[in-house]
Amino acid sequence: MIINFIKPKRKVDRVYLHCSASPRPEHGDVSVIREWHKARGWNDIGYHYFIPFDGELQKGRSLEKSPAAQKGNNTKTIAICLHGLHKPNFTLNQFDTLQKLCKQIDIKYLGDVTFHGHCEVSLKTCPVFDYKAVLDLDSIGRLVKTSKPKYFDMFDTGIEIMNIQKQLNVFLEAHKLEIIVDGIFGQETTQSVLFFQKVNNMISDGIVGPETQLMLPALKG
């Protein structure tokens, strides 16, 4: 699944994580949560994103609007909710999607955002899963960066370039295109990267940096 987080124009400095307080399969869709919240008199769902058990990233409230999710702490925030009530409910697919989304948010804000549980500003235990461990947060809620980000561009060579070319081919297959997987970042690979970035509304610079790496599709098999 390709996740494409587009930074809103409003100021954001915190991301809050929630759980839906229901493990029932029939409640695993953003439309259900939206109806719950509208029944409370709200004009839309309170969360910006909802992640059901299969890991699909579903969009809720517009990112250009503050959430209605952490009473007294909604300004300058993004709200993400995972389907589930008890710790055993949550799936690896949900956590994988959450990690990818939060990494993209962190990259777009150049590391100048912090990640928190609803429980940090409420008496609730929401979210009930260990979000700090899932996201590998430090003591103030920042994503821990274990290594210097890598950037790949023209004339780079090696195994990592071969993997990038394979990932590009997964994307290009839908467009009936294919590039040679030779481990050499040449003109053909550069053009494919530019095409991939354009299709996904990214800055088209032909460089495979952290954001582009997160967006590239997973290898098949």
N, C-alpha and C. Protein backbone atom coordinates (compact mmCIF):
# COMPACT_ATOMS: atom_id res chain seq x y z
N MET A 1 0.84 -1.19 0.00
CA MET A 1 0.00 0.00 0.00
C MET A 1 0.88 1.25 0.00
N ILE A 2 0.56 2.19 -0.88
CA ILE A 2 1.29 3.45 -0.95
C ILE A 2 0.58 4.47 -0.07
N ILE A 3 1.32 5.06 0.86
CA ILE A 3 0.79 6.10 1.74
C ILE A 3 1.36 7.43 1.28
N ASN A 4 0.48 8.38 1.04
CA ASN A 4 0.93 9.69 0.56
C ASN A 4 0.38 10.78 1.48
N PHE A 5 1.15 11.11 2.50
CA PHE A 5 0.74 12.17 3.43
C PHE A 5 1.10 13.52 2.83
N ILE A 6 0.08 14.37 2.70
CA ILE A 6 0.29 15.72 2.17
C ILE A 6 0.12 16.71 3.32
N LYS A 7 1.18 17.43 3.60
CA LYS A 7 1.23 18.36 4.73
C LYS A 7 0.17 19.45 4.59
N PRO A 8 -0.69 19.61 5.61
CA PRO A 8 -1.71 20.67 5.53
C PRO A 8 -1.10 22.06 5.70
N LYS A 9 -1.85 23.08 5.34
CA LYS A 9 -1.36 24.45 5.45
C LYS A 9 -1.37 24.94 6.89
N ARG A 10 -2.25 24.40 7.71
CA ARG A 10 -2.32 24.85 9.11
C ARG A 10 -1.11 24.33 9.90
N LYS A 11 -0.79 24.97 10.98
CA LYS A 11 0.33 24.61 11.83
C LYS A 11 0.04 23.30 12.56
N VAL A 12 1.01 22.39 12.55
CA VAL A 12 0.89 21.12 13.27
C VAL A 12 2.19 20.87 14.02
N ASP A 13 2.10 20.53 15.30
CA ASP A 13 3.31 20.19 16.05
C ASP A 13 3.17 18.91 16.88
N ARG A 14 1.95 18.30 16.90
CA ARG A 14 1.74 17.07 17.65
C ARG A 14 0.80 16.13 16.90
N VAL A 15 1.01 14.84 17.11
CA VAL A 15 0.14 13.80 16.56
C VAL A 15 -0.37 12.97 17.73
N TYR A 16 -1.69 12.76 17.79
CA TYR A 16 -2.27 11.96 18.87
C TYR A 16 -2.84 10.65 18.33
N LEU A 17 -2.62 9.59 19.08
CA LEU A 17 -3.06 8.25 18.70
C LEU A 17 -4.22 7.82 19.59
N HIS A 18 -5.19 7.13 18.95
CA HIS A 18 -6.41 6.69 19.62
C HIS A 18 -6.74 5.25 19.26
N CYS A 19 -7.63 4.64 20.03
CA CYS A 19 -8.24 3.37 19.63
C CYS A 19 -9.75 3.60 19.60
N SER A 20 -10.46 2.79 18.85
CA SER A 20 -11.88 3.05 18.59
C SER A 20 -12.82 2.59 19.70
N ALA A 21 -12.31 1.83 20.68
CA ALA A 21 -13.11 1.33 21.80
C ALA A 21 -14.17 0.32 21.36
N SER A 22 -13.92 -0.34 20.23
CA SER A 22 -14.80 -1.42 19.78
C SER A 22 -13.98 -2.43 18.99
N PRO A 23 -14.09 -3.73 19.35
CA PRO A 23 -13.37 -4.75 18.60
C PRO A 23 -14.24 -5.43 17.53
N ARG A 24 -15.49 -5.00 17.42
CA ARG A 24 -16.44 -5.68 16.53
C ARG A 24 -16.10 -5.41 15.06
N PRO A 25 -16.03 -6.46 14.25
CA PRO A 25 -15.65 -6.30 12.84
C PRO A 25 -16.54 -5.33 12.08
N GLU A 26 -17.82 -5.30 12.41
CA GLU A 26 -18.74 -4.42 11.68
C GLU A 26 -18.48 -2.95 11.97
N HIS A 27 -17.65 -2.65 12.96
CA HIS A 27 -17.32 -1.27 13.29
C HIS A 27 -15.97 -0.85 12.67
N GLY A 28 -15.40 -1.72 11.86
CA GLY A 28 -14.08 -1.46 11.31
C GLY A 28 -14.06 -0.69 10.02
N ASP A 29 -14.74 0.44 9.99
CA ASP A 29 -14.72 1.28 8.80
C ASP A 29 -14.92 2.73 9.21
N VAL A 30 -14.25 3.63 8.52
CA VAL A 30 -14.32 5.04 8.87
C VAL A 30 -15.74 5.58 8.79
N SER A 31 -16.57 5.02 7.91
CA SER A 31 -17.96 5.49 7.76
C SER A 31 -18.76 5.26 9.04
N VAL A 32 -18.47 4.16 9.74
CA VAL A 32 -19.16 3.85 10.99
C VAL A 32 -18.78 4.87 12.06
N ILE A 33 -17.48 5.14 12.18
CA ILE A 33 -17.00 6.10 13.17
C ILE A 33 -17.57 7.49 12.87
N ARG A 34 -17.64 7.82 11.59
CA ARG A 34 -18.19 9.13 11.20
C ARG A 34 -19.64 9.27 11.66
N GLU A 35 -20.43 8.22 11.49
CA GLU A 35 -21.83 8.27 11.92
C GLU A 35 -21.94 8.38 13.43
N TRP A 36 -21.06 7.70 14.16
CA TRP A 36 -21.06 7.83 15.62
C TRP A 36 -20.83 9.28 16.04
N HIS A 37 -19.86 9.89 15.42
CA HIS A 37 -19.49 11.26 15.80
C HIS A 37 -20.55 12.27 15.35
N LYS A 38 -21.13 12.05 14.21
CA LYS A 38 -22.19 12.96 13.75
C LYS A 38 -23.42 12.85 14.63
N ALA A 39 -23.64 11.65 15.18
CA ALA A 39 -24.78 11.45 16.08
C ALA A 39 -24.60 12.25 17.37
N ARG A 40 -23.35 12.61 17.68
CA ARG A 40 -23.07 13.44 18.85
C ARG A 40 -23.30 14.92 18.57
N GLY A 41 -23.60 15.22 17.31
CA GLY A 41 -23.83 16.60 16.92
C GLY A 41 -22.65 17.24 16.22
N TRP A 42 -21.57 16.45 16.01
CA TRP A 42 -20.42 16.98 15.28
C TRP A 42 -20.74 17.01 13.79
N ASN A 43 -20.04 17.86 13.03
CA ASN A 43 -20.32 17.94 11.59
C ASN A 43 -19.52 16.93 10.78
N ASP A 44 -18.59 16.21 11.44
CA ASP A 44 -17.78 15.20 10.73
C ASP A 44 -17.10 14.31 11.77
N ILE A 45 -16.43 13.28 11.29
CA ILE A 45 -15.64 12.42 12.16
C ILE A 45 -14.55 13.24 12.85
N GLY A 46 -14.19 12.88 14.07
CA GLY A 46 -13.21 13.65 14.81
C GLY A 46 -11.77 13.37 14.45
N TYR A 47 -11.50 12.20 13.83
CA TYR A 47 -10.14 11.79 13.50
C TYR A 47 -9.79 12.12 12.04
N HIS A 48 -8.51 12.29 11.79
CA HIS A 48 -8.05 12.50 10.41
C HIS A 48 -7.83 11.18 9.67
N TYR A 49 -7.44 10.13 10.43
CA TYR A 49 -7.19 8.83 9.82
C TYR A 49 -7.77 7.72 10.70
N PHE A 50 -8.21 6.64 10.04
CA PHE A 50 -8.70 5.46 10.74
C PHE A 50 -8.04 4.23 10.11
N ILE A 51 -7.55 3.32 10.96
CA ILE A 51 -6.85 2.14 10.46
C ILE A 51 -7.55 0.88 10.98
N PRO A 52 -8.30 0.16 10.12
CA PRO A 52 -8.95 -1.08 10.54
C PRO A 52 -7.97 -2.24 10.65
N PHE A 53 -8.47 -3.43 11.00
CA PHE A 53 -7.61 -4.57 11.27
C PHE A 53 -6.73 -4.97 10.08
N ASP A 54 -7.22 -4.76 8.84
CA ASP A 54 -6.43 -5.19 7.68
C ASP A 54 -5.32 -4.21 7.33
N GLY A 55 -5.24 -3.08 8.05
CA GLY A 55 -4.16 -2.13 7.82
C GLY A 55 -4.43 -1.09 6.76
N GLU A 56 -5.63 -1.10 6.18
CA GLU A 56 -5.97 -0.09 5.17
C GLU A 56 -5.99 1.29 5.83
N LEU A 57 -5.40 2.27 5.18
CA LEU A 57 -5.41 3.63 5.72
C LEU A 57 -6.63 4.36 5.16
N GLN A 58 -7.58 4.66 6.04
CA GLN A 58 -8.81 5.33 5.63
C GLN A 58 -8.79 6.78 6.11
N LYS A 59 -9.18 7.69 5.22
CA LYS A 59 -9.16 9.11 5.53
C LYS A 59 -10.47 9.54 6.18
N GLY A 60 -10.36 10.39 7.20
CA GLY A 60 -11.53 10.91 7.90
C GLY A 60 -11.68 12.40 7.66
N ARG A 61 -11.61 13.16 8.72
CA ARG A 61 -11.72 14.63 8.63
C ARG A 61 -10.57 15.21 7.80
N SER A 62 -10.83 16.30 7.12
CA SER A 62 -9.79 16.96 6.33
C SER A 62 -8.63 17.38 7.24
N LEU A 63 -7.42 17.17 6.75
CA LEU A 63 -6.23 17.57 7.51
C LEU A 63 -6.16 19.09 7.68
N GLU A 64 -6.88 19.81 6.87
CA GLU A 64 -6.87 21.28 6.98
C GLU A 64 -7.71 21.75 8.17
N LYS A 65 -8.45 20.84 8.79
CA LYS A 65 -9.27 21.19 9.95
C LYS A 65 -8.71 20.53 11.20
N SER A 66 -8.77 21.23 12.32
CA SER A 66 -8.34 20.64 13.59
C SER A 66 -9.25 19.46 13.93
N PRO A 67 -8.72 18.44 14.60
CA PRO A 67 -9.55 17.29 14.96
C PRO A 67 -10.50 17.62 16.11
N ALA A 68 -11.42 16.71 16.38
CA ALA A 68 -12.27 16.78 17.57
C ALA A 68 -12.05 15.46 18.29
N ALA A 69 -10.88 15.33 18.90
CA ALA A 69 -10.47 14.02 19.43
C ALA A 69 -9.83 14.08 20.80
N GLN A 70 -9.16 15.18 21.13
CA GLN A 70 -8.50 15.34 22.43
C GLN A 70 -8.99 16.64 23.04
N LYS A 71 -10.06 16.59 23.81
CA LYS A 71 -10.68 17.79 24.34
C LYS A 71 -9.66 18.72 24.98
N GLY A 72 -9.64 19.96 24.50
CA GLY A 72 -8.71 20.95 25.02
C GLY A 72 -7.32 20.86 24.43
N ASN A 73 -7.11 19.89 23.53
CA ASN A 73 -5.78 19.69 22.94
C ASN A 73 -5.87 19.36 21.45
N ASN A 74 -6.78 20.01 20.76
CA ASN A 74 -6.97 19.73 19.34
C ASN A 74 -6.19 20.66 18.42
N THR A 75 -5.92 21.88 18.86
CA THR A 75 -5.22 22.85 18.02
C THR A 75 -3.81 22.38 17.70
N LYS A 76 -3.41 22.53 16.46
CA LYS A 76 -2.07 22.16 15.97
C LYS A 76 -1.80 20.66 16.07
N THR A 77 -2.83 19.84 15.92
CA THR A 77 -2.63 18.39 16.03
C THR A 77 -3.22 17.62 14.86
N ILE A 78 -2.77 16.38 14.74
CA ILE A 78 -3.33 15.40 13.82
C ILE A 78 -3.78 14.22 14.67
N ALA A 79 -4.95 13.66 14.39
CA ALA A 79 -5.50 12.56 15.18
C ALA A 79 -5.62 11.30 14.32
N ILE A 80 -5.07 10.20 14.84
CA ILE A 80 -5.09 8.90 14.15
C ILE A 80 -5.74 7.87 15.07
N CYS A 81 -6.71 7.12 14.56
CA CYS A 81 -7.41 6.12 15.35
C CYS A 81 -7.23 4.73 14.76
N LEU A 82 -6.94 3.75 15.62
CA LEU A 82 -6.86 2.34 15.20
C LEU A 82 -8.07 1.60 15.72
N HIS A 83 -8.66 0.76 14.90
CA HIS A 83 -9.81 -0.06 15.29
C HIS A 83 -9.38 -1.04 16.37
N GLY A 84 -10.13 -1.12 17.46
CA GLY A 84 -9.82 -2.08 18.51
C GLY A 84 -10.08 -1.54 19.89
N LEU A 85 -10.22 -2.45 20.85
CA LEU A 85 -10.49 -2.08 22.23
C LEU A 85 -9.51 -2.69 23.22
N HIS A 86 -9.15 -3.96 22.98
CA HIS A 86 -8.24 -4.66 23.88
C HIS A 86 -6.91 -4.92 23.18
N LYS A 87 -5.83 -5.04 23.93
CA LYS A 87 -4.50 -5.21 23.34
C LYS A 87 -4.42 -6.32 22.30
N PRO A 88 -5.04 -7.51 22.54
CA PRO A 88 -4.95 -8.59 21.54
C PRO A 88 -5.66 -8.29 20.22
N ASN A 89 -6.53 -7.25 20.21
CA ASN A 89 -7.29 -6.93 19.00
C ASN A 89 -6.40 -6.41 17.87
N PHE A 90 -5.36 -5.68 18.23
CA PHE A 90 -4.60 -4.95 17.22
C PHE A 90 -3.67 -5.87 16.44
N THR A 91 -3.51 -5.57 15.15
CA THR A 91 -2.79 -6.45 14.24
C THR A 91 -1.47 -5.84 13.78
N LEU A 92 -0.60 -6.70 13.28
CA LEU A 92 0.67 -6.23 12.73
C LEU A 92 0.44 -5.34 11.52
N ASN A 93 -0.62 -5.62 10.75
CA ASN A 93 -0.93 -4.78 9.60
C ASN A 93 -1.26 -3.36 10.03
N GLN A 94 -2.00 -3.23 11.13
CA GLN A 94 -2.32 -1.90 11.64
C GLN A 94 -1.05 -1.16 12.07
N PHE A 95 -0.20 -1.87 12.80
CA PHE A 95 1.02 -1.23 13.30
C PHE A 95 1.97 -0.87 12.15
N ASP A 96 2.02 -1.70 11.12
CA ASP A 96 2.87 -1.41 9.96
C ASP A 96 2.40 -0.13 9.28
N THR A 97 1.09 0.00 9.08
CA THR A 97 0.54 1.20 8.46
C THR A 97 0.77 2.42 9.33
N LEU A 98 0.57 2.27 10.63
CA LEU A 98 0.79 3.38 11.56
C LEU A 98 2.25 3.85 11.52
N GLN A 99 3.18 2.91 11.50
CA GLN A 99 4.60 3.26 11.46
C GLN A 99 4.93 4.03 10.18
N LYS A 100 4.44 3.54 9.05
CA LYS A 100 4.73 4.20 7.78
C LYS A 100 4.13 5.60 7.71
N LEU A 101 2.90 5.74 8.19
CA LEU A 101 2.25 7.05 8.18
C LEU A 101 3.00 8.02 9.08
N CYS A 102 3.34 7.60 10.28
CA CYS A 102 4.02 8.49 11.21
C CYS A 102 5.42 8.86 10.73
N LYS A 103 6.11 7.95 10.05
CA LYS A 103 7.42 8.26 9.49
C LYS A 103 7.29 9.33 8.42
N GLN A 104 6.24 9.22 7.60
CA GLN A 104 6.03 10.24 6.56
C GLN A 104 5.73 11.59 7.18
N ILE A 105 4.87 11.59 8.20
CA ILE A 105 4.55 12.85 8.88
C ILE A 105 5.82 13.47 9.45
N ASP A 106 6.63 12.64 10.09
CA ASP A 106 7.89 13.10 10.70
C ASP A 106 8.82 13.70 9.65
N ILE A 107 8.92 13.05 8.50
CA ILE A 107 9.78 13.55 7.42
C ILE A 107 9.27 14.88 6.88
N LYS A 108 7.95 14.97 6.65
CA LYS A 108 7.39 16.21 6.10
C LYS A 108 7.59 17.40 7.05
N TYR A 109 7.61 17.12 8.34
CA TYR A 109 7.80 18.20 9.32
C TYR A 109 9.25 18.28 9.81
N LEU A 110 10.15 17.60 9.10
CA LEU A 110 11.59 17.67 9.40
C LEU A 110 11.90 17.32 10.85
N GLY A 111 11.12 16.38 11.39
CA GLY A 111 11.34 15.92 12.75
C GLY A 111 10.83 16.86 13.82
N ASP A 112 10.10 17.90 13.42
CA ASP A 112 9.65 18.92 14.37
C ASP A 112 8.22 18.67 14.84
N VAL A 113 7.85 17.40 15.01
CA VAL A 113 6.56 17.02 15.58
C VAL A 113 6.80 15.95 16.64
N THR A 114 5.88 15.84 17.58
CA THR A 114 5.96 14.79 18.59
C THR A 114 4.71 13.94 18.53
N PHE A 115 4.82 12.68 18.98
CA PHE A 115 3.73 11.71 18.89
C PHE A 115 3.30 11.30 20.29
N HIS A 116 1.97 11.26 20.52
CA HIS A 116 1.44 11.04 21.85
C HIS A 116 0.21 10.15 21.83
N GLY A 117 -0.09 9.57 22.98
CA GLY A 117 -1.33 8.84 23.15
C GLY A 117 -2.38 9.77 23.73
N HIS A 118 -3.64 9.49 23.44
CA HIS A 118 -4.74 10.27 23.99
C HIS A 118 -4.66 10.30 25.52
N CYS A 119 -4.16 9.19 26.09
CA CYS A 119 -4.05 9.06 27.54
C CYS A 119 -3.16 10.12 28.19
N GLU A 120 -2.31 10.74 27.40
CA GLU A 120 -1.39 11.75 27.95
C GLU A 120 -2.10 13.06 28.29
N VAL A 121 -3.29 13.25 27.71
CA VAL A 121 -4.04 14.49 27.98
C VAL A 121 -5.46 14.18 28.46
N SER A 122 -5.69 12.92 28.87
CA SER A 122 -7.02 12.48 29.29
C SER A 122 -6.88 11.40 30.35
N LEU A 123 -7.92 11.19 31.12
CA LEU A 123 -7.93 10.12 32.11
C LEU A 123 -8.18 8.75 31.46
N LYS A 124 -8.47 8.74 30.18
CA LYS A 124 -8.72 7.50 29.45
C LYS A 124 -7.42 6.70 29.25
N THR A 125 -7.55 5.41 29.02
CA THR A 125 -6.38 4.56 28.75
C THR A 125 -6.10 4.47 27.25
N CYS A 126 -6.82 5.25 26.48
CA CYS A 126 -6.70 5.25 25.02
C CYS A 126 -5.36 5.83 24.56
N PRO A 127 -4.63 5.20 23.63
CA PRO A 127 -4.91 3.88 23.07
C PRO A 127 -4.38 2.80 24.01
N VAL A 128 -4.99 1.64 24.00
CA VAL A 128 -4.61 0.61 24.98
C VAL A 128 -3.34 -0.14 24.59
N PHE A 129 -2.89 -0.03 23.34
CA PHE A 129 -1.66 -0.70 22.94
C PHE A 129 -0.44 0.18 23.28
N ASP A 130 0.73 -0.43 23.29
CA ASP A 130 1.97 0.28 23.66
C ASP A 130 2.47 1.09 22.47
N TYR A 131 1.89 2.26 22.30
CA TYR A 131 2.21 3.08 21.14
C TYR A 131 3.67 3.57 21.17
N LYS A 132 4.22 3.76 22.35
CA LYS A 132 5.61 4.22 22.44
C LYS A 132 6.57 3.17 21.89
N ALA A 133 6.28 1.90 22.15
CA ALA A 133 7.12 0.83 21.64
C ALA A 133 6.89 0.63 20.14
N VAL A 134 5.63 0.71 19.71
CA VAL A 134 5.31 0.51 18.29
C VAL A 134 6.02 1.54 17.42
N LEU A 135 6.06 2.79 17.88
CA LEU A 135 6.68 3.87 17.10
C LEU A 135 8.13 4.14 17.49
N ASP A 136 8.62 3.46 18.53
CA ASP A 136 9.99 3.67 19.01
C ASP A 136 10.20 5.15 19.33
N LEU A 137 9.41 5.65 20.30
CA LEU A 137 9.46 7.06 20.68
C LEU A 137 10.47 7.30 21.79
N ASP A 138 11.06 8.48 21.79
CA ASP A 138 11.95 8.83 22.88
C ASP A 138 11.13 9.42 24.03
N SER A 139 11.79 9.97 25.03
CA SER A 139 11.11 10.42 26.25
C SER A 139 10.16 11.59 26.03
N ILE A 140 10.34 12.35 24.93
CA ILE A 140 9.44 13.49 24.68
C ILE A 140 8.51 13.25 23.50
N GLY A 141 8.52 12.02 22.96
CA GLY A 141 7.57 11.69 21.90
C GLY A 141 8.07 11.86 20.49
N ARG A 142 9.37 11.94 20.30
CA ARG A 142 9.91 12.02 18.95
C ARG A 142 10.29 10.64 18.45
N LEU A 143 10.19 10.44 17.13
CA LEU A 143 10.62 9.17 16.55
C LEU A 143 12.13 9.05 16.68
N VAL A 144 12.58 7.92 17.17
CA VAL A 144 14.01 7.71 17.34
C VAL A 144 14.65 7.45 15.99
N LYS A 145 15.65 8.23 15.65
CA LYS A 145 16.36 8.06 14.37
C LYS A 145 17.64 7.29 14.64
N THR A 146 17.68 6.05 14.18
CA THR A 146 18.81 5.18 14.50
C THR A 146 19.96 5.32 13.50
N SER A 147 19.74 5.93 12.38
CA SER A 147 20.81 6.07 11.39
C SER A 147 20.56 7.30 10.53
N LYS A 148 21.62 7.79 9.88
CA LYS A 148 21.52 8.94 9.01
C LYS A 148 20.73 8.58 7.75
N PRO A 149 19.75 9.41 7.36
CA PRO A 149 18.96 9.11 6.17
C PRO A 149 19.85 8.95 4.93
N LYS A 150 19.47 8.02 4.06
CA LYS A 150 20.25 7.79 2.85
C LYS A 150 19.56 8.43 1.65
N TYR A 151 20.37 8.93 0.74
CA TYR A 151 19.88 9.54 -0.49
C TYR A 151 20.60 8.87 -1.66
N PHE A 152 19.85 8.54 -2.71
CA PHE A 152 20.42 7.91 -3.90
C PHE A 152 20.05 8.72 -5.12
N ASP A 153 21.03 8.91 -6.01
CA ASP A 153 20.75 9.62 -7.25
C ASP A 153 21.73 9.15 -8.34
N MET A 154 21.81 9.90 -9.41
CA MET A 154 22.59 9.54 -10.59
C MET A 154 24.00 9.07 -10.25
N PHE A 155 24.38 7.97 -10.89
CA PHE A 155 25.72 7.38 -10.82
C PHE A 155 25.97 6.51 -9.58
N ASP A 156 24.99 6.46 -8.66
CA ASP A 156 25.13 5.53 -7.54
C ASP A 156 24.97 4.10 -8.06
N THR A 157 25.62 3.15 -7.41
CA THR A 157 25.54 1.75 -7.81
C THR A 157 25.44 0.86 -6.58
N GLY A 158 25.02 -0.40 -6.81
CA GLY A 158 25.03 -1.37 -5.73
C GLY A 158 23.70 -2.08 -5.54
N ILE A 159 23.65 -2.93 -4.51
CA ILE A 159 22.47 -3.73 -4.19
C ILE A 159 21.27 -2.85 -3.88
N GLU A 160 21.50 -1.76 -3.15
CA GLU A 160 20.39 -0.87 -2.79
C GLU A 160 19.74 -0.28 -4.03
N ILE A 161 20.54 0.02 -5.04
CA ILE A 161 19.99 0.56 -6.30
C ILE A 161 19.17 -0.52 -7.01
N MET A 162 19.65 -1.76 -6.96
CA MET A 162 18.89 -2.86 -7.57
C MET A 162 17.52 -2.99 -6.91
N ASN A 163 17.47 -2.88 -5.59
CA ASN A 163 16.19 -2.98 -4.89
C ASN A 163 15.26 -1.83 -5.25
N ILE A 164 15.82 -0.62 -5.39
CA ILE A 164 15.03 0.53 -5.81
C ILE A 164 14.47 0.29 -7.21
N GLN A 165 15.28 -0.23 -8.11
CA GLN A 165 14.82 -0.51 -9.47
C GLN A 165 13.71 -1.56 -9.48
N LYS A 166 13.83 -2.56 -8.62
CA LYS A 166 12.78 -3.59 -8.51
C LYS A 166 11.48 -2.97 -8.00
N GLN A 167 11.61 -2.08 -7.01
CA GLN A 167 10.42 -1.42 -6.47
C GLN A 167 9.78 -0.51 -7.52
N LEU A 168 10.61 0.17 -8.28
CA LEU A 168 10.08 1.01 -9.36
C LEU A 168 9.34 0.17 -10.39
N ASN A 169 9.83 -1.02 -10.67
CA ASN A 169 9.16 -1.89 -11.64
C ASN A 169 7.79 -2.35 -11.16
N VAL A 170 7.63 -2.50 -9.83
CA VAL A 170 6.31 -2.83 -9.29
C VAL A 170 5.35 -1.69 -9.62
N PHE A 171 5.79 -0.46 -9.47
CA PHE A 171 4.99 0.71 -9.81
C PHE A 171 4.77 0.81 -11.32
N LEU A 172 5.84 0.61 -12.09
CA LEU A 172 5.76 0.79 -13.54
C LEU A 172 4.90 -0.26 -14.23
N GLU A 173 4.76 -1.42 -13.59
CA GLU A 173 3.97 -2.51 -14.18
C GLU A 173 2.55 -2.07 -14.53
N ALA A 174 1.97 -1.24 -13.66
CA ALA A 174 0.60 -0.75 -13.89
C ALA A 174 0.53 0.19 -15.10
N HIS A 175 1.69 0.73 -15.49
CA HIS A 175 1.76 1.64 -16.64
C HIS A 175 2.37 0.95 -17.86
N LYS A 176 2.49 -0.38 -17.76
CA LYS A 176 3.02 -1.21 -18.85
C LYS A 176 4.43 -0.77 -19.24
N LEU A 177 5.21 -0.45 -18.22
CA LEU A 177 6.60 -0.04 -18.42
C LEU A 177 7.52 -0.89 -17.56
N GLU A 178 8.79 -0.89 -17.86
CA GLU A 178 9.76 -1.66 -17.08
C GLU A 178 11.16 -1.11 -17.35
N ILE A 179 11.99 -1.12 -16.31
CA ILE A 179 13.37 -0.69 -16.47
C ILE A 179 14.30 -1.87 -16.17
N ILE A 180 15.53 -1.77 -16.63
CA ILE A 180 16.52 -2.81 -16.40
C ILE A 180 17.01 -2.75 -14.95
N VAL A 181 17.05 -3.90 -14.31
CA VAL A 181 17.55 -3.99 -12.94
C VAL A 181 19.03 -4.37 -13.01
N ASP A 182 19.89 -3.37 -12.98
CA ASP A 182 21.34 -3.62 -13.12
C ASP A 182 22.17 -3.02 -11.98
N GLY A 183 21.50 -2.36 -11.03
CA GLY A 183 22.22 -1.78 -9.91
C GLY A 183 22.95 -0.50 -10.23
N ILE A 184 22.61 0.10 -11.38
CA ILE A 184 23.26 1.35 -11.79
C ILE A 184 22.19 2.45 -11.90
N PHE A 185 22.34 3.50 -11.14
CA PHE A 185 21.37 4.60 -11.15
C PHE A 185 21.70 5.52 -12.33
N GLY A 186 21.19 5.13 -13.49
CA GLY A 186 21.44 5.88 -14.71
C GLY A 186 20.26 6.73 -15.12
N GLN A 187 20.28 7.13 -16.39
CA GLN A 187 19.24 8.03 -16.90
C GLN A 187 17.86 7.38 -16.86
N GLU A 188 17.78 6.08 -17.21
CA GLU A 188 16.49 5.39 -17.22
C GLU A 188 15.89 5.34 -15.82
N THR A 189 16.71 5.04 -14.83
CA THR A 189 16.23 5.00 -13.45
C THR A 189 15.81 6.38 -12.98
N THR A 190 16.59 7.39 -13.35
CA THR A 190 16.25 8.77 -12.96
C THR A 190 14.90 9.18 -13.52
N GLN A 191 14.66 8.88 -14.80
CA GLN A 191 13.37 9.22 -15.41
C GLN A 191 12.22 8.49 -14.75
N SER A 192 12.46 7.25 -14.34
CA SER A 192 11.42 6.47 -13.67
C SER A 192 11.12 7.04 -12.29
N VAL A 193 12.15 7.50 -11.59
CA VAL A 193 11.96 8.12 -10.29
C VAL A 193 11.17 9.41 -10.43
N LEU A 194 11.51 10.22 -11.43
CA LEU A 194 10.79 11.47 -11.69
C LEU A 194 9.32 11.21 -11.99
N PHE A 195 9.05 10.17 -12.78
CA PHE A 195 7.68 9.79 -13.12
C PHE A 195 6.93 9.35 -11.85
N PHE A 196 7.57 8.52 -11.04
CA PHE A 196 6.96 8.03 -9.80
C PHE A 196 6.63 9.20 -8.87
N GLN A 197 7.55 10.15 -8.73
CA GLN A 197 7.34 11.30 -7.85
C GLN A 197 6.21 12.19 -8.37
N LYS A 198 6.13 12.37 -9.67
CA LYS A 198 5.08 13.20 -10.25
C LYS A 198 3.71 12.58 -10.02
N VAL A 199 3.58 11.27 -10.27
CA VAL A 199 2.31 10.57 -10.10
C VAL A 199 1.83 10.64 -8.65
N ASN A 200 2.78 10.64 -7.71
CA ASN A 200 2.43 10.64 -6.29
C ASN A 200 2.48 12.02 -5.64
N ASN A 201 2.44 13.06 -6.49
CA ASN A 201 2.37 14.45 -6.02
C ASN A 201 3.51 14.82 -5.07
N MET A 202 4.70 14.36 -5.40
CA MET A 202 5.88 14.65 -4.61
C MET A 202 6.76 15.66 -5.35
N ILE A 203 7.74 16.21 -4.66
CA ILE A 203 8.71 17.07 -5.32
C ILE A 203 9.50 16.21 -6.30
N SER A 204 9.47 16.56 -7.57
CA SER A 204 10.13 15.76 -8.61
C SER A 204 11.58 16.23 -8.78
N ASP A 205 12.49 15.55 -8.08
CA ASP A 205 13.89 15.91 -8.17
C ASP A 205 14.76 14.75 -8.66
N GLY A 206 14.15 13.57 -8.86
CA GLY A 206 14.91 12.42 -9.34
C GLY A 206 15.81 11.80 -8.29
N ILE A 207 15.70 12.26 -7.04
CA ILE A 207 16.53 11.74 -5.95
C ILE A 207 15.68 10.83 -5.06
N VAL A 208 16.20 9.66 -4.74
CA VAL A 208 15.48 8.74 -3.87
C VAL A 208 15.93 8.97 -2.43
N GLY A 209 15.24 9.93 -1.78
CA GLY A 209 15.51 10.24 -0.39
C GLY A 209 14.56 9.49 0.52
N PRO A 210 14.54 9.81 1.83
CA PRO A 210 13.69 9.10 2.78
C PRO A 210 12.21 9.08 2.40
N GLU A 211 11.69 10.23 1.93
CA GLU A 211 10.26 10.29 1.59
C GLU A 211 9.94 9.39 0.41
N THR A 212 10.75 9.45 -0.62
CA THR A 212 10.52 8.59 -1.80
C THR A 212 10.67 7.12 -1.43
N GLN A 213 11.64 6.79 -0.57
CA GLN A 213 11.83 5.41 -0.15
C GLN A 213 10.60 4.88 0.57
N LEU A 214 9.97 5.72 1.40
CA LEU A 214 8.76 5.29 2.10
C LEU A 214 7.59 5.08 1.16
N MET A 215 7.56 5.86 0.09
CA MET A 215 6.46 5.79 -0.86
C MET A 215 6.57 4.64 -1.85
N LEU A 216 7.79 4.18 -2.12
CA LEU A 216 7.98 3.12 -3.09
C LEU A 216 7.23 1.86 -2.67
N PRO A 217 6.58 1.17 -3.60
CA PRO A 217 5.82 -0.04 -3.24
C PRO A 217 6.71 -1.18 -2.77
N ALA A 218 6.15 -2.06 -1.96
CA ALA A 218 6.89 -3.21 -1.47
C ALA A 218 7.14 -4.18 -2.61
N LEU A 219 8.24 -4.94 -2.51
CA LEU A 219 8.55 -5.93 -3.53
C LEU A 219 7.58 -7.10 -3.44
N LYS A 220 7.21 -7.65 -4.55
CA LYS A 220 6.30 -8.78 -4.58
C LYS A 220 7.01 -10.05 -4.12
N GLY A 221 6.20 -10.91 -3.49
CA GLY A 221 6.75 -12.18 -3.05
C GLY A 221 7.69 -12.03 -1.90
